[in-house]
Amino acid sequence: MQPASRSGIYNEKNNVRRKILFLTYRFPYPLSGGDRVKSYHLLRHLSTIADVDLITLDQWNTATAESLDHLHSFLRSVVVVPFHKISSGARILGSLFSSTPIEIAYYESRAMKNAVEKALSSANYDLVIGFFMRTAPYLETVTGVQKMLIAEDSRLLADERATKKFSFSLEYFVRRIDAIRLRSFEPEMIKKFSVTTFVATPDEERVKAIDPALRTAILTNGVDADEFEFYDGERENAVLFSGHLGIYHNRLMAEEIVKGIYPAIREHSPQTKLWIAGKDPNSELRRLVASTEGAELFADVRDMRPFYQKARVFL
């Protein structure tokens, strides 16, 4: 891969590799979950054109010696900050009396902030990147360097969508509170970055509806053409929905498909099957799928490629 000289990260004339500081709220390896997949491949790509230092919270305790060795094989340095759930719970309680979104408070870490400050004081970076809105507060006061926020989605839009239908659950009320707080928090935070990127235009349009002057761009997801080869074989009469089923809005969508969308499909095509594949489905979703004729649940699938290849429709 040739260095992307027009990006300003690589100076072809002087053959000088620039320096990038990259922040994540979740250790990006192994590749389980869309956020890890995206941050991991961004880090791999950036490492081909710059020296990259990673600072990451380790929410799920996956920073093993083996996974660290793997990241060290292409990153200049990796700083892992332990994640303490008890402290995060206390911060959530404190946030109830402030204007900080609960989700943001949950990922606040004094140790993470200290690590960022130490890195910025010891190296002259050409670019600082925060991955996801949860990392933005660590960089909001940083000046004198280009700052990029890879927001992925609008947390405001995600919470507004997730609370359209009332649910008497703790997660519903947390997201409802955050949907209110994010209307000011999210655009104000975006203002503090040189550019903020989103995967899809509805998310970009939601924040720009509040402030059209916000500096935003679209950074879409891609496909590894070597890992996911084109399949031209036989397909089954099946509709596939996949995602991390432990995530609130994915679970809501899966339930909506089983209860509302799939019955309508079966009216027109009685033999069409429904496949739901993903990590951490709860017992309620398991029961719902088990009681729905033609539907099948595949939990904690290690390799999604056979499902993508065999299903006739991806929903």
Protein backbone atom coordinates (compact mmCIF):
# COMPACT_ATOMS: atom_id res chain seq x y z
CA MET A 1 0.00 0.00 0.00
CA GLN A 2 1.41 3.38 -1.01
CA PRO A 3 1.42 6.14 1.63
CA ALA A 4 -1.50 8.53 1.24
CA SER A 5 0.60 11.67 0.78
CA ARG A 6 -2.41 13.90 0.10
CA SER A 7 -3.70 13.14 3.58
CA GLY A 8 -0.99 15.26 5.13
CA ILE A 9 0.01 12.38 7.38
CA TYR A 10 2.94 11.23 5.26
CA ASN A 11 5.54 13.68 3.89
CA GLU A 12 6.85 12.00 0.74
CA LYS A 13 9.57 14.55 0.10
CA ASN A 14 11.22 14.17 3.49
CA ASN A 15 10.18 10.54 3.97
CA VAL A 16 9.00 11.42 7.48
CA ARG A 17 6.33 9.37 9.19
CA ARG A 18 3.92 11.46 11.18
CA LYS A 19 2.68 10.65 14.68
CA ILE A 20 -0.92 9.85 15.59
CA LEU A 21 -2.47 9.41 19.03
CA PHE A 22 -5.56 7.16 18.91
CA LEU A 23 -8.04 6.76 21.79
CA THR A 24 -10.56 3.95 22.20
CA TYR A 25 -12.99 3.21 25.01
CA ARG A 26 -12.72 -0.56 24.48
CA PHE A 27 -9.62 -2.68 23.86
CA PRO A 28 -9.80 -3.36 20.09
CA TYR A 29 -8.80 -7.02 20.03
CA PRO A 30 -9.92 -9.78 19.62
CA LEU A 31 -12.43 -8.83 16.92
CA SER A 32 -15.74 -9.27 18.70
CA GLY A 33 -18.30 -6.54 18.09
CA GLY A 34 -18.53 -3.87 15.42
CA ASP A 35 -16.74 -1.20 17.45
CA ARG A 36 -13.66 -3.40 17.88
CA VAL A 37 -13.67 -4.44 14.25
CA LYS A 38 -13.82 -0.83 13.05
CA SER A 39 -11.21 0.58 15.44
CA TYR A 40 -8.86 -2.35 14.82
CA HIS A 41 -8.88 -1.97 11.05
CA LEU A 42 -8.52 1.80 11.32
CA LEU A 43 -5.46 1.28 13.50
CA ARG A 44 -3.99 -1.24 11.07
CA HIS A 45 -4.48 1.12 8.14
CA LEU A 46 -3.16 4.18 9.94
CA SER A 47 -0.06 2.23 11.00
CA THR A 48 0.90 1.89 7.31
CA ILE A 49 1.20 5.66 6.93
CA ALA A 50 2.11 6.88 10.44
CA ASP A 51 3.50 5.90 13.84
CA VAL A 52 0.44 5.26 15.98
CA ASP A 53 0.22 5.33 19.77
CA LEU A 54 -2.91 3.73 21.24
CA ILE A 55 -4.46 4.54 24.61
CA THR A 56 -7.41 2.31 25.44
CA LEU A 57 -9.73 1.44 28.27
CA ASP A 58 -10.02 -2.30 28.86
CA GLN A 59 -13.70 -2.69 29.66
CA TRP A 60 -13.91 -6.46 29.13
CA ASN A 61 -10.42 -7.44 30.37
CA THR A 62 -9.31 -8.68 26.94
CA ALA A 63 -5.85 -7.08 27.03
CA THR A 64 -4.04 -10.39 27.40
CA ALA A 65 -0.33 -10.84 26.73
CA GLU A 66 -1.17 -12.48 23.41
CA SER A 67 -3.51 -9.71 22.25
CA LEU A 68 -1.04 -7.04 23.35
CA ASP A 69 1.75 -8.72 21.40
CA HIS A 70 -0.46 -8.67 18.33
CA LEU A 71 -1.18 -4.94 18.60
CA HIS A 72 2.48 -4.18 19.29
CA SER A 73 3.33 -5.86 15.98
CA PHE A 74 2.02 -2.82 14.07
CA LEU A 75 1.52 -0.02 16.62
CA ARG A 76 4.32 2.08 18.08
CA SER A 77 2.93 1.85 21.61
CA VAL A 78 -0.13 0.63 23.50
CA VAL A 79 -1.24 1.97 26.87
CA VAL A 80 -3.99 -0.05 28.56
CA VAL A 81 -6.10 1.60 31.25
CA PRO A 82 -8.06 -0.74 33.56
CA PHE A 83 -11.82 -0.24 33.67
CA HIS A 84 -13.42 -0.35 37.12
CA LYS A 85 -17.15 -1.02 36.99
CA ILE A 86 -17.75 -0.08 40.63
CA SER A 87 -16.25 3.36 40.07
CA SER A 88 -18.27 3.70 36.87
CA GLY A 89 -21.43 2.90 38.80
CA ALA A 90 -20.61 5.65 41.29
CA ARG A 91 -20.06 8.11 38.44
CA ILE A 92 -23.46 7.22 37.03
CA LEU A 93 -25.08 8.13 40.34
CA GLY A 94 -23.19 11.41 40.34
CA SER A 95 -24.28 12.18 36.79
CA LEU A 96 -27.93 12.09 37.84
CA PHE A 97 -27.36 15.51 39.40
CA SER A 98 -25.50 16.98 36.41
CA SER A 99 -26.03 17.63 32.71
CA THR A 100 -23.53 14.97 31.61
CA PRO A 101 -25.11 12.10 29.66
CA ILE A 102 -25.11 8.92 31.73
CA GLU A 103 -23.34 6.97 28.97
CA ILE A 104 -20.49 9.50 28.92
CA ALA A 105 -20.17 9.50 32.71
CA TYR A 106 -19.91 5.71 32.71
CA TYR A 107 -16.69 5.87 30.65
CA GLU A 108 -15.02 8.71 32.53
CA SER A 109 -11.66 7.68 33.97
CA ARG A 110 -9.10 9.77 35.78
CA ALA A 111 -6.42 7.23 34.86
CA MET A 112 -7.37 7.49 31.19
CA LYS A 113 -7.20 11.28 31.31
CA ASN A 114 -3.77 11.12 32.98
CA ALA A 115 -2.51 8.74 30.30
CA VAL A 116 -3.70 11.10 27.55
CA GLU A 117 -2.10 14.11 29.22
CA LYS A 118 1.18 12.22 29.64
CA ALA A 119 1.24 11.17 26.00
CA LEU A 120 0.51 14.67 24.74
CA SER A 121 3.26 16.14 26.90
CA SER A 122 5.87 13.63 25.76
CA ALA A 123 5.31 13.65 21.98
CA ASN A 124 4.43 16.13 19.27
CA TYR A 125 1.50 14.57 17.48
CA ASP A 126 0.34 15.56 14.02
CA LEU A 127 -3.14 14.20 14.63
CA VAL A 128 -5.17 13.06 17.64
CA ILE A 129 -8.13 10.75 17.05
CA GLY A 130 -10.94 9.86 19.45
CA PHE A 131 -12.96 6.79 18.51
CA PHE A 132 -16.60 7.12 19.56
CA MET A 133 -18.22 9.97 21.47
CA ARG A 134 -17.23 8.27 24.73
CA THR A 135 -13.61 9.35 24.19
CA ALA A 136 -14.39 12.95 23.23
CA PRO A 137 -14.21 14.42 26.77
CA TYR A 138 -10.57 13.31 27.04
CA LEU A 139 -9.70 15.58 24.13
CA GLU A 140 -12.10 18.51 24.45
CA THR A 141 -9.55 20.86 26.06
CA VAL A 142 -6.58 19.78 23.91
CA THR A 143 -5.28 22.59 21.68
CA GLY A 144 -2.46 23.10 19.21
CA VAL A 145 -3.05 19.88 17.26
CA GLN A 146 -5.57 18.64 14.69
CA LYS A 147 -8.30 16.62 16.42
CA MET A 148 -10.58 14.10 14.74
CA LEU A 149 -13.60 12.45 16.35
CA ILE A 150 -14.70 9.21 14.70
CA ALA A 151 -18.17 9.33 16.22
CA GLU A 152 -19.57 6.48 14.08
CA ASP A 153 -23.15 7.33 14.98
CA SER A 154 -25.06 10.16 16.58
CA ARG A 155 -25.69 9.02 20.14
CA LEU A 156 -28.59 11.48 20.22
CA LEU A 157 -30.25 9.83 17.22
CA ALA A 158 -29.57 6.33 18.61
CA ASP A 159 -31.22 7.16 21.93
CA GLU A 160 -34.13 8.96 20.30
CA ARG A 161 -34.83 5.91 18.16
CA ALA A 162 -34.41 3.50 21.08
CA THR A 163 -36.99 5.35 23.17
CA LYS A 164 -39.73 5.87 20.59
CA LYS A 165 -41.60 2.95 22.09
CA PHE A 166 -42.09 3.04 25.86
CA SER A 167 -40.53 0.25 27.88
CA PHE A 168 -40.71 -0.09 31.62
CA SER A 169 -37.03 -0.93 31.97
CA LEU A 170 -33.94 0.73 33.47
CA GLU A 171 -32.22 0.94 30.10
CA TYR A 172 -35.19 2.75 28.58
CA PHE A 173 -35.12 5.44 31.27
CA VAL A 174 -31.33 5.84 31.03
CA ARG A 175 -31.56 6.33 27.28
CA ARG A 176 -34.51 8.67 27.67
CA ILE A 177 -32.49 10.88 30.02
CA ASP A 178 -29.50 10.81 27.69
CA ALA A 179 -31.65 11.66 24.65
CA ILE A 180 -32.51 14.92 26.40
CA ARG A 181 -28.98 15.72 27.56
CA LEU A 182 -27.33 14.83 24.27
CA ARG A 183 -29.28 17.52 22.39
CA SER A 184 -26.84 20.07 23.78
CA PHE A 185 -23.88 17.87 24.79
CA GLU A 186 -23.28 16.21 21.41
CA PRO A 187 -23.15 19.30 19.14
CA GLU A 188 -21.17 21.26 21.73
CA MET A 189 -18.58 18.47 21.90
CA ILE A 190 -18.38 18.18 18.10
CA LYS A 191 -17.53 21.89 17.89
CA LYS A 192 -14.26 21.18 19.70
CA PHE A 193 -12.90 18.90 16.95
CA SER A 194 -11.39 19.72 13.57
CA VAL A 195 -13.77 17.21 11.99
CA THR A 196 -16.24 14.58 13.22
CA THR A 197 -17.11 11.57 11.07
CA PHE A 198 -20.23 9.43 10.90
CA VAL A 199 -20.94 6.13 9.14
CA ALA A 200 -24.28 7.19 7.65
CA THR A 201 -25.92 10.43 6.56
CA PRO A 202 -28.97 10.26 8.92
CA ASP A 203 -26.59 10.59 11.89
CA GLU A 204 -24.74 13.48 10.29
CA GLU A 205 -28.02 15.16 9.38
CA ARG A 206 -29.33 14.83 12.95
CA VAL A 207 -26.47 16.82 14.50
CA LYS A 208 -26.43 19.34 11.66
CA ALA A 209 -30.13 19.95 12.19
CA ILE A 210 -29.09 21.43 15.54
CA ASP A 211 -26.07 23.31 14.19
CA PRO A 212 -25.46 23.40 10.39
CA ALA A 213 -22.00 24.87 10.94
CA LEU A 214 -20.61 21.72 12.57
CA ARG A 215 -17.58 20.29 10.73
CA THR A 216 -18.60 16.75 9.80
CA ALA A 217 -17.88 14.09 7.17
CA ILE A 218 -18.97 10.57 6.23
CA LEU A 219 -16.56 7.69 6.87
CA THR A 220 -18.41 4.60 5.71
CA ASN A 221 -17.73 1.00 6.63
CA GLY A 222 -15.89 -1.17 4.13
CA VAL A 223 -15.54 -4.85 3.34
CA ASP A 224 -12.33 -6.87 3.37
CA ALA A 225 -12.51 -8.31 -0.15
CA ASP A 226 -9.99 -11.03 0.72
CA GLU A 227 -11.80 -12.20 3.84
CA PHE A 228 -15.29 -11.94 2.33
CA GLU A 229 -15.06 -13.31 -1.20
CA PHE A 230 -18.01 -12.97 -3.57
CA TYR A 231 -20.34 -15.96 -3.34
CA ASP A 232 -22.33 -17.03 -6.39
CA GLY A 233 -23.65 -20.37 -5.14
CA GLU A 234 -27.07 -21.57 -4.08
CA ARG A 235 -28.97 -19.63 -1.44
CA GLU A 236 -31.67 -20.74 0.95
CA ASN A 237 -35.11 -19.18 1.21
CA ALA A 238 -34.12 -17.29 4.35
CA VAL A 239 -33.99 -13.74 5.69
CA LEU A 240 -30.99 -12.95 7.90
CA PHE A 241 -30.68 -10.39 10.68
CA SER A 242 -27.38 -10.19 12.57
CA GLY A 243 -25.85 -8.01 15.25
CA HIS A 244 -24.73 -7.88 18.86
CA LEU A 245 -28.00 -8.97 20.48
CA GLY A 246 -26.92 -7.80 23.92
CA ILE A 247 -27.14 -4.19 22.71
CA TYR A 248 -30.46 -2.56 23.48
CA HIS A 249 -31.42 -1.21 20.06
CA ASN A 250 -30.31 -4.41 18.26
CA ARG A 251 -32.46 -6.44 20.62
CA LEU A 252 -35.43 -4.14 20.01
CA MET A 253 -34.98 -4.54 16.27
CA ALA A 254 -34.74 -8.32 16.51
CA GLU A 255 -37.96 -8.40 18.51
CA GLU A 256 -39.68 -6.10 16.00
CA ILE A 257 -38.63 -8.38 13.14
CA VAL A 258 -39.94 -11.51 14.86
CA LYS A 259 -43.22 -9.95 16.01
CA GLY A 260 -44.05 -7.59 13.15
CA ILE A 261 -41.98 -7.95 9.99
CA TYR A 262 -41.55 -11.71 9.74
CA PRO A 263 -45.28 -12.56 10.09
CA ALA A 264 -45.96 -10.19 7.17
CA ILE A 265 -43.29 -11.94 5.11
CA ARG A 266 -44.77 -15.35 5.94
CA GLU A 267 -48.19 -14.24 4.71
CA HIS A 268 -46.77 -13.82 1.22
CA SER A 269 -44.07 -16.50 1.39
CA PRO A 270 -44.96 -19.21 3.97
CA GLN A 271 -41.76 -21.20 3.37
CA THR A 272 -39.36 -18.31 4.03
CA LYS A 273 -37.21 -18.85 7.12
CA LEU A 274 -35.88 -16.22 9.51
CA TRP A 275 -32.34 -16.47 10.83
CA ILE A 276 -31.24 -14.28 13.71
CA ALA A 277 -27.53 -14.53 14.45
CA GLY A 278 -25.57 -12.63 17.05
CA LYS A 279 -23.83 -12.45 20.37
CA ASP A 280 -25.45 -12.52 23.83
CA PRO A 281 -29.18 -12.97 23.09
CA ASN A 282 -31.18 -12.80 26.32
CA SER A 283 -33.64 -15.43 27.50
CA GLU A 284 -36.67 -13.39 26.36
CA LEU A 285 -35.42 -13.24 22.76
CA ARG A 286 -34.55 -16.94 22.86
CA ARG A 287 -38.11 -17.80 23.95
CA LEU A 288 -39.64 -15.48 21.36
CA VAL A 289 -37.71 -17.04 18.49
CA ALA A 290 -38.28 -20.60 19.75
CA SER A 291 -42.05 -20.00 19.78
CA THR A 292 -42.09 -18.54 16.24
CA GLU A 293 -42.52 -21.08 13.46
CA GLY A 294 -39.86 -20.75 10.77
CA ALA A 295 -37.54 -18.64 12.92
CA GLU A 296 -34.19 -19.83 14.26
CA LEU A 297 -31.65 -18.22 16.57
CA PHE A 298 -27.89 -18.72 16.18
CA ALA A 299 -26.09 -17.45 19.26
CA ASP A 300 -22.43 -16.41 19.54
CA VAL A 301 -21.52 -17.29 15.95
CA ARG A 302 -17.75 -17.28 15.37
CA ASP A 303 -17.86 -16.94 11.58
CA MET A 304 -20.73 -15.07 9.92
CA ARG A 305 -19.63 -15.78 6.35
CA PRO A 306 -21.74 -18.93 5.83
CA PHE A 307 -24.85 -16.98 6.89
CA TYR A 308 -24.09 -14.06 4.58
CA GLN A 309 -23.52 -16.51 1.73
CA LYS A 310 -26.55 -18.72 2.27
CA ALA A 311 -29.30 -16.25 3.13
CA ARG A 312 -31.31 -14.85 0.23
CA VAL A 313 -32.02 -11.53 1.92
CA PHE A 314 -30.04 -9.59 4.54
CA LEU A 315 -32.29 -7.41 6.69
